[in-house]
Amino acid sequence: MAFPTPTQAGRRRVSALAALPAVVLLGTAALSGCADPGASAAGNPSGGTQTTAARNGVVYNTSPDQQRIRAEKDAALAAKVPELIGKDGKLTVATTAGSIPLSFHATDDKTPIGSELDIAQAVADKLGLELDVQVTSWENWPLKTQSGDFEAVFSNVGVNKDRVKLFDFASYRAAYMGFEAKKSATYDIKGADDISGLKISVGSGTNQEKILLAWNKELEGKGKPPATLQYYSSDADTILALSSGRTDLNIAPYPSTVYRENTRDDLKVVGKVNAGWPSETLVAATTLRGNGLAPVISEALNEVIKDGSYGKVLERWGLSEEALPESKTITAENYAATQATAVPSQAGKAS
């Protein structure tokens, strides 16, 4: 999406929602725009147990003591870091800390952890820089990256045609969204017809919201009832609404839905769609357009892919199926060449 001023964005967002009768706003922050992970309802643990053994065999460490997988500095790569970025010896990274296992707060309720930050750490290590993590809201990272407050964003940001006008990208993970429902549900979500008449929670201003709005338009064109989109003010409220039956579905980053399916007894994944539907997209480190950092991050990512530390990070968080064979730099100039039509298997039911 393009990024107008906050005031313009607010007016346009309210106008767009007002024009859609099948939208329900719940909670005071319904229009604030969740992190791209959306209303993912991380269900952050606070205190008590600091590891969670999931049914998929992953033991999630949710404590502040992460003992991250580290990488070795590459002097040649470090020399390629743009001077204005590397002069303070830090890589300032923004994250939204809104979605287990991607980016969330540890059991101390203040330390940001997750796969996004592990990957950012590996990149910083390769570039010989100290990782400086800044937690921000989803609606703030674009403007703060443009202003120079943030040098890179690692927060499940998907590449799209609007964002490449302002930012450059270094891809590092596949990008899928998952539909989740109560364990007793019989939904099999593959496309627009499967959500007709259902109540679905979604994060405002996210790729998943764009998918649902497009599917609703398709349904209306067929004369079928659209889905009712519901926006909650917190992650906890989102999942409470789902588990209590006030909503039928929640759409969130696939890794988060899989995490909940494997750590809770009441929810399951009932569908999977590429985050760039109807095309494909990727999750990528996001940098200011033209500042020269994205290509260096891509090189660093390719080194940690080759040395195996990248694979270990994804395995640690149960994300191995979203691994990429290589990182690519994506800019406005080459964006069109990176796009491909999504294949049916990527929009089908999650295994």
Protein backbone atom coordinates (compact mmCIF):
# COMPACT_ATOMS: atom_id res chain seq x y z
CA MET A 1 0.00 0.00 0.00
CA ALA A 2 1.12 3.56 -0.59
CA PHE A 3 1.72 5.64 2.47
CA PRO A 4 -0.01 9.07 2.59
CA THR A 5 0.25 11.30 5.61
CA PRO A 6 -1.30 9.91 8.81
CA THR A 7 -4.21 12.36 8.56
CA GLN A 8 -4.89 11.51 4.91
CA ALA A 9 -4.53 7.82 5.65
CA GLY A 10 -7.01 8.04 8.50
CA ARG A 11 -9.61 9.87 6.38
CA ARG A 12 -9.23 7.43 3.50
CA ARG A 13 -9.36 4.41 5.78
CA VAL A 14 -12.53 5.56 7.53
CA SER A 15 -14.14 6.41 4.17
CA ALA A 16 -13.25 3.02 2.74
CA LEU A 17 -14.67 1.20 5.73
CA ALA A 18 -17.79 3.31 5.78
CA ALA A 19 -18.49 2.23 2.20
CA LEU A 20 -18.41 -1.42 3.18
CA PRO A 21 -21.54 -2.55 5.03
CA ALA A 22 -20.06 -5.96 5.80
CA VAL A 23 -17.51 -4.51 8.20
CA VAL A 24 -17.81 -4.51 11.98
CA LEU A 25 -15.44 -2.46 14.14
CA LEU A 26 -14.85 -3.63 17.69
CA GLY A 27 -12.66 -1.95 20.28
CA THR A 28 -11.22 1.54 20.46
CA ALA A 29 -8.19 0.72 18.31
CA ALA A 30 -10.06 -0.97 15.50
CA LEU A 31 -8.84 1.52 12.90
CA SER A 32 -5.29 1.83 14.17
CA GLY A 33 -3.87 -0.83 11.86
CA CYS A 34 -2.34 -3.91 13.39
CA ALA A 35 1.11 -5.16 12.51
CA ASP A 36 1.24 -6.89 9.17
CA PRO A 37 0.84 -10.15 11.04
CA GLY A 38 -2.61 -8.72 11.68
CA ALA A 39 -4.83 -9.58 14.59
CA SER A 40 -2.67 -12.59 15.23
CA ALA A 41 -3.47 -13.01 18.90
CA ALA A 42 -0.04 -14.15 19.89
CA GLY A 43 -1.27 -15.02 23.34
CA ASN A 44 2.00 -13.89 24.88
CA PRO A 45 2.96 -15.82 27.98
CA SER A 46 3.78 -13.66 30.95
CA GLY A 47 5.80 -15.25 33.66
CA GLY A 48 5.72 -18.91 34.56
CA THR A 49 6.77 -21.46 31.97
CA GLN A 50 9.39 -20.12 29.58
CA THR A 51 9.31 -22.94 27.05
CA THR A 52 6.35 -24.46 25.25
CA ALA A 53 6.53 -27.97 23.82
CA ALA A 54 4.26 -28.04 20.78
CA ARG A 55 2.63 -31.01 19.08
CA ASN A 56 4.77 -30.43 15.99
CA GLY A 57 7.87 -31.29 18.03
CA VAL A 58 9.12 -27.71 18.40
CA VAL A 59 10.04 -26.46 21.86
CA TYR A 60 9.49 -22.71 21.79
CA ASN A 61 11.75 -20.67 24.04
CA THR A 62 9.75 -17.63 25.14
CA SER A 63 12.18 -16.35 27.76
CA PRO A 64 14.33 -13.21 27.47
CA ASP A 65 17.42 -15.44 27.39
CA GLN A 66 17.25 -16.48 23.76
CA GLN A 67 20.74 -17.86 23.18
CA ARG A 68 20.35 -16.91 19.55
CA ILE A 69 22.09 -18.68 16.71
CA ARG A 70 24.91 -16.34 15.73
CA ALA A 71 26.87 -15.80 12.53
CA GLU A 72 30.45 -14.76 11.85
CA LYS A 73 31.34 -11.32 10.52
CA ASP A 74 32.24 -11.07 6.84
CA ALA A 75 34.72 -8.22 6.49
CA ALA A 76 34.10 -7.82 2.77
CA LEU A 77 30.36 -7.51 3.33
CA ALA A 78 30.84 -5.16 6.27
CA ALA A 79 32.79 -2.86 3.96
CA LYS A 80 29.77 -2.64 1.64
CA VAL A 81 27.45 -1.22 4.30
CA PRO A 82 26.56 2.37 3.31
CA GLU A 83 28.64 4.78 5.40
CA LEU A 84 25.68 6.71 6.78
CA ILE A 85 24.21 3.46 8.10
CA GLY A 86 27.31 1.79 9.44
CA LYS A 87 29.05 4.77 11.01
CA ASP A 88 27.47 4.23 14.45
CA GLY A 89 28.29 0.51 14.42
CA LYS A 90 24.62 -0.45 14.71
CA LEU A 91 21.89 -1.89 12.51
CA THR A 92 18.71 -0.25 13.75
CA VAL A 93 15.87 -2.66 13.08
CA ALA A 94 12.15 -2.06 13.56
CA THR A 95 9.74 -4.82 14.50
CA THR A 96 6.13 -4.81 15.68
CA ALA A 97 6.38 -7.59 18.29
CA GLY A 98 2.83 -8.70 17.59
CA SER A 99 2.86 -12.32 16.53
CA ILE A 100 4.25 -15.58 17.92
CA PRO A 101 6.55 -17.05 16.66
CA LEU A 102 7.60 -14.23 14.33
CA SER A 103 8.05 -11.22 16.59
CA PHE A 104 6.66 -10.95 20.11
CA HIS A 105 7.53 -10.08 23.69
CA ALA A 106 9.25 -12.61 25.92
CA THR A 107 7.95 -13.70 29.30
CA ASP A 108 9.29 -10.51 30.86
CA ASP A 109 6.75 -8.61 28.71
CA LYS A 110 9.45 -6.26 27.41
CA THR A 111 12.15 -8.14 25.48
CA PRO A 112 11.32 -8.54 21.75
CA ILE A 113 12.08 -12.04 20.48
CA GLY A 114 11.09 -14.36 17.64
CA SER A 115 12.23 -15.64 14.26
CA GLU A 116 12.26 -12.18 12.67
CA LEU A 117 14.76 -10.93 15.22
CA ASP A 118 16.88 -14.07 15.01
CA ILE A 119 17.24 -13.49 11.27
CA ALA A 120 17.98 -9.80 11.85
CA GLN A 121 20.66 -10.83 14.36
CA ALA A 122 22.32 -13.13 11.83
CA VAL A 123 22.36 -10.32 9.26
CA ALA A 124 23.80 -7.82 11.75
CA ASP A 125 26.48 -10.35 12.70
CA LYS A 126 27.50 -10.84 9.07
CA LEU A 127 27.75 -7.09 8.60
CA GLY A 128 29.76 -6.63 11.79
CA LEU A 129 27.08 -4.44 13.34
CA GLU A 130 25.36 -4.43 16.73
CA LEU A 131 21.66 -5.24 16.46
CA ASP A 132 19.55 -2.36 17.79
CA VAL A 133 15.89 -3.47 17.97
CA GLN A 134 13.15 -0.85 18.08
CA VAL A 135 9.55 -1.95 18.69
CA THR A 136 7.02 0.12 16.79
CA SER A 137 3.43 -0.06 15.58
CA TRP A 138 2.57 -1.23 12.08
CA GLU A 139 1.33 2.17 10.95
CA ASN A 140 4.54 3.89 12.10
CA TRP A 141 7.30 1.86 10.46
CA PRO A 142 6.87 3.29 6.93
CA LEU A 143 7.24 6.94 7.95
CA LYS A 144 10.01 6.23 10.45
CA THR A 145 11.94 4.22 7.87
CA GLN A 146 11.58 7.09 5.41
CA SER A 147 12.79 9.55 8.05
CA GLY A 148 15.85 7.42 8.82
CA ASP A 149 14.84 6.42 12.34
CA PHE A 150 14.85 2.80 11.22
CA GLU A 151 17.46 1.35 8.87
CA ALA A 152 15.64 -1.92 8.24
CA VAL A 153 12.32 -3.51 9.14
CA PHE A 154 12.12 -7.20 10.03
CA SER A 155 8.45 -7.72 10.84
CA ASN A 156 6.77 -10.06 8.36
CA VAL A 157 6.55 -7.31 5.74
CA GLY A 158 5.30 -8.63 2.42
CA VAL A 159 6.54 -7.12 -0.82
CA ASN A 160 3.84 -5.47 -2.94
CA LYS A 161 3.54 -3.05 -5.85
CA ASP A 162 2.81 -0.05 -3.65
CA ARG A 163 5.60 -0.60 -1.14
CA VAL A 164 8.32 -0.90 -3.81
CA LYS A 165 7.63 2.72 -4.74
CA LEU A 166 9.10 3.77 -1.39
CA PHE A 167 11.21 0.87 -0.18
CA ASP A 168 13.72 -1.75 -1.30
CA PHE A 169 13.52 -5.34 -0.09
CA ALA A 170 15.75 -8.32 0.69
CA SER A 171 13.62 -11.47 0.72
CA TYR A 172 14.06 -14.08 3.43
CA ARG A 173 10.87 -16.13 3.84
CA ALA A 174 7.83 -17.36 1.98
CA ALA A 175 4.66 -15.41 2.72
CA TYR A 176 1.42 -17.21 3.51
CA MET A 177 -1.69 -16.40 5.46
CA GLY A 178 -3.63 -19.00 7.41
CA PHE A 179 -7.32 -19.23 8.22
CA GLU A 180 -8.02 -20.64 11.67
CA ALA A 181 -11.23 -21.77 13.29
CA LYS A 182 -12.51 -23.71 16.28
CA LYS A 183 -11.51 -27.35 16.41
CA SER A 184 -15.11 -28.43 15.75
CA ALA A 185 -15.43 -26.37 12.54
CA THR A 186 -15.73 -28.04 9.14
CA TYR A 187 -14.55 -25.12 6.98
CA ASP A 188 -12.15 -25.74 4.09
CA ILE A 189 -11.10 -22.27 2.91
CA LYS A 190 -9.74 -22.17 -0.62
CA GLY A 191 -11.31 -19.04 -2.07
CA ALA A 192 -14.04 -16.43 -1.97
CA ASP A 193 -16.98 -18.85 -2.10
CA ASP A 194 -15.81 -20.50 1.12
CA ILE A 195 -16.10 -17.33 3.23
CA SER A 196 -19.55 -16.22 2.08
CA GLY A 197 -21.66 -15.08 5.04
CA LEU A 198 -18.98 -15.80 7.64
CA LYS A 199 -17.63 -13.49 10.34
CA ILE A 200 -13.86 -13.09 9.99
CA SER A 201 -11.43 -11.17 12.19
CA VAL A 202 -8.59 -9.44 10.37
CA GLY A 203 -5.97 -6.77 11.00
CA SER A 204 -6.65 -3.35 9.52
CA GLY A 205 -4.33 -2.17 6.74
CA THR A 206 -2.81 -5.61 6.18
CA ASN A 207 -2.30 -7.81 3.13
CA GLN A 208 -4.81 -10.28 4.54
CA GLU A 209 -7.44 -7.55 4.75
CA LYS A 210 -6.81 -6.72 1.08
CA ILE A 211 -7.43 -10.38 0.19
CA LEU A 212 -10.72 -10.48 2.08
CA LEU A 213 -11.94 -7.22 0.55
CA ALA A 214 -11.15 -8.60 -2.91
CA TRP A 215 -12.97 -11.85 -2.12
CA ASN A 216 -15.98 -9.90 -0.83
CA LYS A 217 -16.09 -7.94 -4.08
CA GLU A 218 -16.05 -11.25 -5.97
CA LEU A 219 -18.90 -12.57 -3.83
CA GLU A 220 -20.99 -9.46 -4.34
CA GLY A 221 -20.47 -9.80 -8.09
CA LYS A 222 -21.94 -13.30 -7.85
CA GLY A 223 -24.88 -12.12 -5.78
CA LYS A 224 -23.63 -14.01 -2.70
CA PRO A 225 -23.47 -12.63 0.85
CA PRO A 226 -20.02 -11.18 1.62
CA ALA A 227 -18.08 -12.04 4.75
CA THR A 228 -18.39 -9.66 7.69
CA LEU A 229 -14.94 -8.36 8.62
CA GLN A 230 -14.35 -7.71 12.30
CA TYR A 231 -11.54 -5.62 13.75
CA TYR A 232 -10.51 -6.10 17.39
CA SER A 233 -8.41 -3.79 19.51
CA SER A 234 -6.03 -6.47 20.78
CA ASP A 235 -4.66 -9.88 19.88
CA ALA A 236 -6.17 -11.43 23.00
CA ASP A 237 -9.62 -10.10 22.08
CA THR A 238 -9.30 -11.55 18.58
CA ILE A 239 -8.65 -15.10 19.71
CA LEU A 240 -11.18 -14.85 22.54
CA ALA A 241 -13.81 -13.94 19.96
CA LEU A 242 -12.80 -16.90 17.80
CA SER A 243 -12.68 -19.44 20.60
CA SER A 244 -16.02 -18.25 22.02
CA GLY A 245 -17.79 -18.42 18.65
CA ARG A 246 -18.34 -14.69 18.17
CA THR A 247 -16.32 -14.97 14.96
CA ASP A 248 -16.13 -17.92 12.59
CA LEU A 249 -12.60 -17.42 11.30
CA ASN A 250 -9.41 -15.48 11.91
CA ILE A 251 -6.89 -14.79 9.15
CA ALA A 252 -3.29 -14.21 10.25
CA PRO A 253 0.26 -15.10 9.21
CA TYR A 254 0.42 -18.82 8.59
CA PRO A 255 3.25 -19.39 11.12
CA SER A 256 1.09 -17.89 13.87
CA THR A 257 -1.93 -20.02 13.02
CA VAL A 258 0.25 -23.14 12.96
CA TYR A 259 1.74 -22.18 16.32
CA ARG A 260 -1.71 -21.95 17.88
CA GLU A 261 -2.86 -25.18 16.26
CA ASN A 262 0.10 -26.94 17.86
CA THR A 263 -0.04 -25.32 21.30
CA ARG A 264 -3.80 -25.04 21.92
CA ASP A 265 -6.53 -27.65 22.05
CA ASP A 266 -9.39 -25.55 20.68
CA LEU A 267 -8.13 -24.13 17.35
CA LYS A 268 -7.02 -25.51 14.01
CA VAL A 269 -5.87 -24.28 10.59
CA VAL A 270 -8.57 -24.58 7.92
CA GLY A 271 -7.00 -22.81 4.97
CA LYS A 272 -3.85 -21.29 3.52
CA VAL A 273 -3.36 -18.57 0.91
CA ASN A 274 -0.35 -16.74 -0.49
CA ALA A 275 -0.08 -13.31 1.12
CA GLY A 276 0.21 -11.74 -2.33
CA TRP A 277 -2.96 -13.34 -3.71
CA PRO A 278 -3.75 -13.52 -6.62
CA SER A 279 0.00 -13.41 -7.23
CA GLU A 280 2.87 -14.59 -5.06
CA THR A 281 4.84 -12.46 -2.67
CA LEU A 282 7.66 -12.91 -0.18
CA VAL A 283 8.50 -11.67 3.30
CA ALA A 284 11.48 -9.34 3.15
CA ALA A 285 13.73 -7.03 5.09
CA THR A 286 12.56 -3.53 4.24
CA THR A 287 14.88 -0.56 3.71
CA LEU A 288 14.58 2.97 2.36
CA ARG A 289 14.46 2.98 -1.42
CA GLY A 290 17.79 3.66 -3.06
CA ASN A 291 19.98 3.85 0.05
CA GLY A 292 22.04 0.80 -0.94
CA LEU A 293 21.35 -1.32 2.13
CA ALA A 294 18.95 -3.92 0.69
CA PRO A 295 21.53 -5.52 -1.67
CA VAL A 296 23.99 -5.86 1.22
CA ILE A 297 21.34 -7.48 3.41
CA SER A 298 20.54 -9.90 0.57
CA GLU A 299 24.20 -10.88 0.38
CA ALA A 300 24.32 -11.37 4.14
CA LEU A 301 21.18 -13.51 4.02
CA ASN A 302 22.63 -15.65 1.25
CA GLU A 303 25.72 -16.25 3.37
CA VAL A 304 23.70 -17.41 6.37
CA ILE A 305 21.60 -19.57 4.06
CA LYS A 306 24.79 -21.22 2.78
CA ASP A 307 26.41 -21.69 6.19
CA GLY A 308 23.25 -23.27 7.63
CA SER A 309 22.49 -20.77 10.38
CA TYR A 310 19.41 -19.52 8.51
CA GLY A 311 17.98 -23.03 8.38
CA LYS A 312 18.65 -23.52 12.08
CA VAL A 313 16.75 -20.33 12.91
CA LEU A 314 13.69 -21.39 10.95
CA GLU A 315 13.81 -24.90 12.41
CA ARG A 316 14.04 -23.43 15.89
CA TRP A 317 10.74 -21.62 15.37
CA GLY A 318 8.96 -24.33 13.36
CA LEU A 319 9.18 -22.41 10.08
CA SER A 320 11.30 -24.72 7.93
CA GLU A 321 8.58 -25.06 5.29
CA GLU A 322 8.83 -21.31 4.60
CA ALA A 323 12.57 -21.35 3.88
CA LEU A 324 13.87 -19.77 0.67
CA PRO A 325 16.80 -21.20 -1.33
CA GLU A 326 18.19 -17.70 -1.79
CA SER A 327 17.55 -14.07 -0.94
CA LYS A 328 16.85 -11.63 -3.73
CA THR A 329 16.89 -7.85 -3.76
CA ILE A 330 13.51 -6.56 -4.92
CA THR A 331 13.10 -2.95 -6.03
CA ALA A 332 10.67 -0.92 -8.11
CA GLU A 333 12.89 -1.58 -11.12
CA ASN A 334 12.73 -5.40 -10.98
CA TYR A 335 9.47 -5.92 -9.10
CA ALA A 336 7.39 -6.94 -12.14
CA ALA A 337 9.94 -9.59 -13.09
CA THR A 338 9.70 -11.18 -9.63
CA GLN A 339 5.95 -11.73 -9.82
CA ALA A 340 4.24 -14.96 -10.84
CA THR A 341 0.68 -16.17 -10.73
CA ALA A 342 -0.01 -18.20 -7.59
CA VAL A 343 -0.48 -21.91 -8.19
CA PRO A 344 -3.65 -23.60 -6.88
CA SER A 345 -1.80 -25.68 -4.29
CA GLN A 346 -0.73 -22.50 -2.47
CA ALA A 347 -4.32 -21.43 -1.98
CA GLY A 348 -5.56 -24.76 -0.74
CA LYS A 349 -6.12 -26.20 2.67
CA ALA A 350 -3.13 -26.26 4.96
CA SER A 351 -1.76 -29.63 5.87
